[in-house]
Amino acid sequence: MAMRKVLLLNGPNLNMLGVREPAVYGRDTLESIEAEVVAYGAGRGVEVDCFQSNHEGALIDKIHEAHTCYDGIVYNPGAHTHYSYALRDAIGSIDTPVVEVHLSDIEAREEFRRISVIAPVCIAQIKGKGKLGYKEAIDVLLEHEDR
């Protein structure tokens, strides 16, 4: 089946983009980034739905739902990247491909940010490309589907 629906999932504090540490995360708001990714997806024939939560359980529920509703997930787990085995297990429990995205290069930041417990259950990780990483993740999902 051709990839037609992708979930753009953003974790804790990403609702504060544009305000939170603009030198690290840029001045774009989450809403403006989501609009760009939705438009980019439409141009590639992909419907993109967006969801953000600061709550681990809500993100887990959305990942579980995605199993039957989406062909792929683009996911910025925020701080959950580094310690949420519950989110890792949620991704590992579904067969929907997930691409992990980070606006900043997590490997060039504080020591605690360099480890991702999420990456091993994802098909790819994109970091340090700012908002363009979300668009690249759509491309990665489409390429993965073509294999």
Protein backbone atom coordinates (compact mmCIF):
# COMPACT_ATOMS: atom_id res chain seq x y z
CA MET A 1 0.00 0.00 0.00
CA ALA A 2 1.34 3.45 -0.86
CA MET A 3 2.17 5.69 2.05
CA ARG A 4 -0.65 8.19 2.34
CA LYS A 5 -0.89 9.19 6.02
CA VAL A 6 1.89 10.26 8.34
CA LEU A 7 1.68 11.35 11.96
CA LEU A 8 3.92 14.27 12.92
CA LEU A 9 4.44 13.76 16.65
CA ASN A 10 6.17 16.26 18.93
CA GLY A 11 6.96 15.72 22.59
CA PRO A 12 7.47 17.88 25.67
CA ASN A 13 8.31 21.57 25.45
CA LEU A 14 8.13 21.66 21.65
CA ASN A 15 4.97 23.76 22.02
CA MET A 16 7.39 26.46 23.26
CA LEU A 17 9.35 26.68 20.00
CA GLY A 18 9.98 30.27 18.98
CA VAL A 19 10.21 31.24 22.65
CA ARG A 20 12.42 28.52 24.14
CA GLU A 21 16.17 28.98 23.58
CA PRO A 22 15.96 30.45 20.06
CA ALA A 23 19.76 30.21 19.68
CA VAL A 24 19.41 26.42 19.94
CA TYR A 25 15.96 25.74 18.46
CA GLY A 26 15.36 28.71 16.14
CA ARG A 27 12.59 31.28 16.07
CA ASP A 28 9.97 29.26 14.19
CA THR A 29 6.91 28.27 16.20
CA LEU A 30 5.68 24.69 16.29
CA GLU A 31 2.54 25.82 14.43
CA SER A 32 4.58 27.32 11.57
CA ILE A 33 6.78 24.22 11.34
CA GLU A 34 3.71 21.96 11.33
CA ALA A 35 2.14 24.04 8.53
CA GLU A 36 5.33 23.72 6.44
CA VAL A 37 5.51 19.96 6.99
CA VAL A 38 1.81 19.51 6.15
CA ALA A 39 2.33 21.48 2.92
CA TYR A 40 5.51 19.55 2.09
CA GLY A 41 3.72 16.24 2.67
CA ALA A 42 0.80 17.32 0.47
CA GLY A 43 3.29 18.06 -2.29
CA ARG A 44 4.60 14.51 -1.95
CA GLY A 45 1.07 13.01 -1.89
CA VAL A 46 1.10 12.43 1.86
CA GLU A 47 -1.51 13.59 4.35
CA VAL A 48 0.20 14.75 7.56
CA ASP A 49 -1.64 14.96 10.90
CA CYS A 50 0.05 16.79 13.77
CA PHE A 51 0.00 16.07 17.49
CA GLN A 52 2.03 17.53 20.36
CA SER A 53 1.88 16.71 24.03
CA ASN A 54 3.91 17.38 27.14
CA HIS A 55 2.54 14.14 28.64
CA GLU A 56 4.22 10.79 28.13
CA GLY A 57 0.98 8.80 28.39
CA ALA A 58 -0.76 10.89 25.72
CA LEU A 59 2.18 10.30 23.37
CA ILE A 60 2.13 6.56 24.09
CA ASP A 61 -1.61 6.44 23.38
CA LYS A 62 -1.09 8.30 20.09
CA ILE A 63 1.68 5.88 19.05
CA HIS A 64 -0.60 2.92 19.82
CA GLU A 65 -3.42 4.51 17.75
CA ALA A 66 -0.99 5.16 14.90
CA HIS A 67 -0.55 1.43 14.44
CA THR A 68 -3.92 1.23 12.66
CA CYS A 69 -4.28 4.79 11.28
CA TYR A 70 -0.90 5.83 9.85
CA ASP A 71 1.66 4.53 7.39
CA GLY A 72 4.55 6.25 9.18
CA ILE A 73 5.48 8.53 12.08
CA VAL A 74 7.84 11.50 12.19
CA TYR A 75 8.68 11.91 15.87
CA ASN A 76 10.58 14.51 17.86
CA PRO A 77 10.52 13.01 21.36
CA GLY A 78 12.15 16.04 23.01
CA ALA A 79 13.64 15.22 26.41
CA HIS A 80 11.93 11.81 26.37
CA THR A 81 14.64 10.84 23.86
CA HIS A 82 17.11 10.27 26.63
CA TYR A 83 15.17 8.26 29.20
CA SER A 84 11.68 7.14 28.16
CA TYR A 85 11.78 3.39 27.87
CA ALA A 86 7.96 3.53 27.90
CA LEU A 87 7.96 5.48 24.62
CA ARG A 88 10.67 3.23 23.21
CA ASP A 89 8.52 0.20 24.05
CA ALA A 90 5.44 1.85 22.49
CA ILE A 91 7.31 2.36 19.21
CA GLY A 92 8.74 -1.15 19.43
CA SER A 93 5.27 -2.61 19.90
CA ILE A 94 3.97 -1.40 16.52
CA ASP A 95 5.15 -2.14 12.99
CA THR A 96 4.60 1.41 11.74
CA PRO A 97 7.97 2.89 10.68
CA VAL A 98 9.19 5.81 12.82
CA VAL A 99 11.82 8.44 12.01
CA GLU A 100 13.25 10.25 15.05
CA VAL A 101 13.89 13.96 14.46
CA HIS A 102 15.79 16.56 16.50
CA LEU A 103 16.08 20.23 15.60
CA SER A 104 19.53 20.46 17.23
CA ASP A 105 22.45 18.05 16.97
CA ILE A 106 21.95 16.10 20.19
CA GLU A 107 25.43 14.57 19.89
CA ALA A 108 27.03 18.05 20.03
CA ARG A 109 25.18 19.11 23.19
CA GLU A 110 25.33 18.22 26.87
CA GLU A 111 26.47 14.72 27.73
CA PHE A 112 23.01 13.61 28.90
CA ARG A 113 21.47 14.61 25.54
CA ARG A 114 23.81 12.46 23.46
CA ILE A 115 22.09 9.15 24.12
CA SER A 116 18.78 8.26 22.50
CA VAL A 117 16.90 5.29 23.92
CA ILE A 118 14.34 5.84 21.12
CA ALA A 119 16.72 5.51 18.12
CA PRO A 120 17.14 1.70 18.21
CA VAL A 121 13.42 1.19 17.47
CA CYS A 122 13.31 3.80 14.67
CA ILE A 123 14.26 3.33 11.01
CA ALA A 124 16.38 6.52 11.06
CA GLN A 125 17.42 9.48 13.19
CA ILE A 126 17.77 13.01 11.77
CA LYS A 127 19.46 15.61 13.96
CA GLY A 128 20.85 19.11 13.68
CA LYS A 129 19.00 20.15 10.53
CA GLY A 130 16.43 22.38 12.21
CA LYS A 131 12.93 22.30 10.76
CA LEU A 132 14.24 20.83 7.49
CA GLY A 133 14.77 17.57 9.40
CA TYR A 134 11.01 17.05 9.56
CA LYS A 135 10.72 17.27 5.77
CA GLU A 136 13.70 14.98 5.32
CA ALA A 137 11.94 12.48 7.62
CA ILE A 138 8.94 12.41 5.25
CA ASP A 139 11.37 11.59 2.42
CA VAL A 140 13.01 8.85 4.51
CA LEU A 141 9.60 7.27 5.16
CA LEU A 142 8.75 7.37 1.45
CA GLU A 143 12.13 5.85 0.51
CA HIS A 144 11.69 3.17 3.18
CA GLU A 145 8.32 2.30 1.71
CA ASP A 146 9.82 1.90 -1.76
CA ARG A 147 12.28 -0.77 -0.59
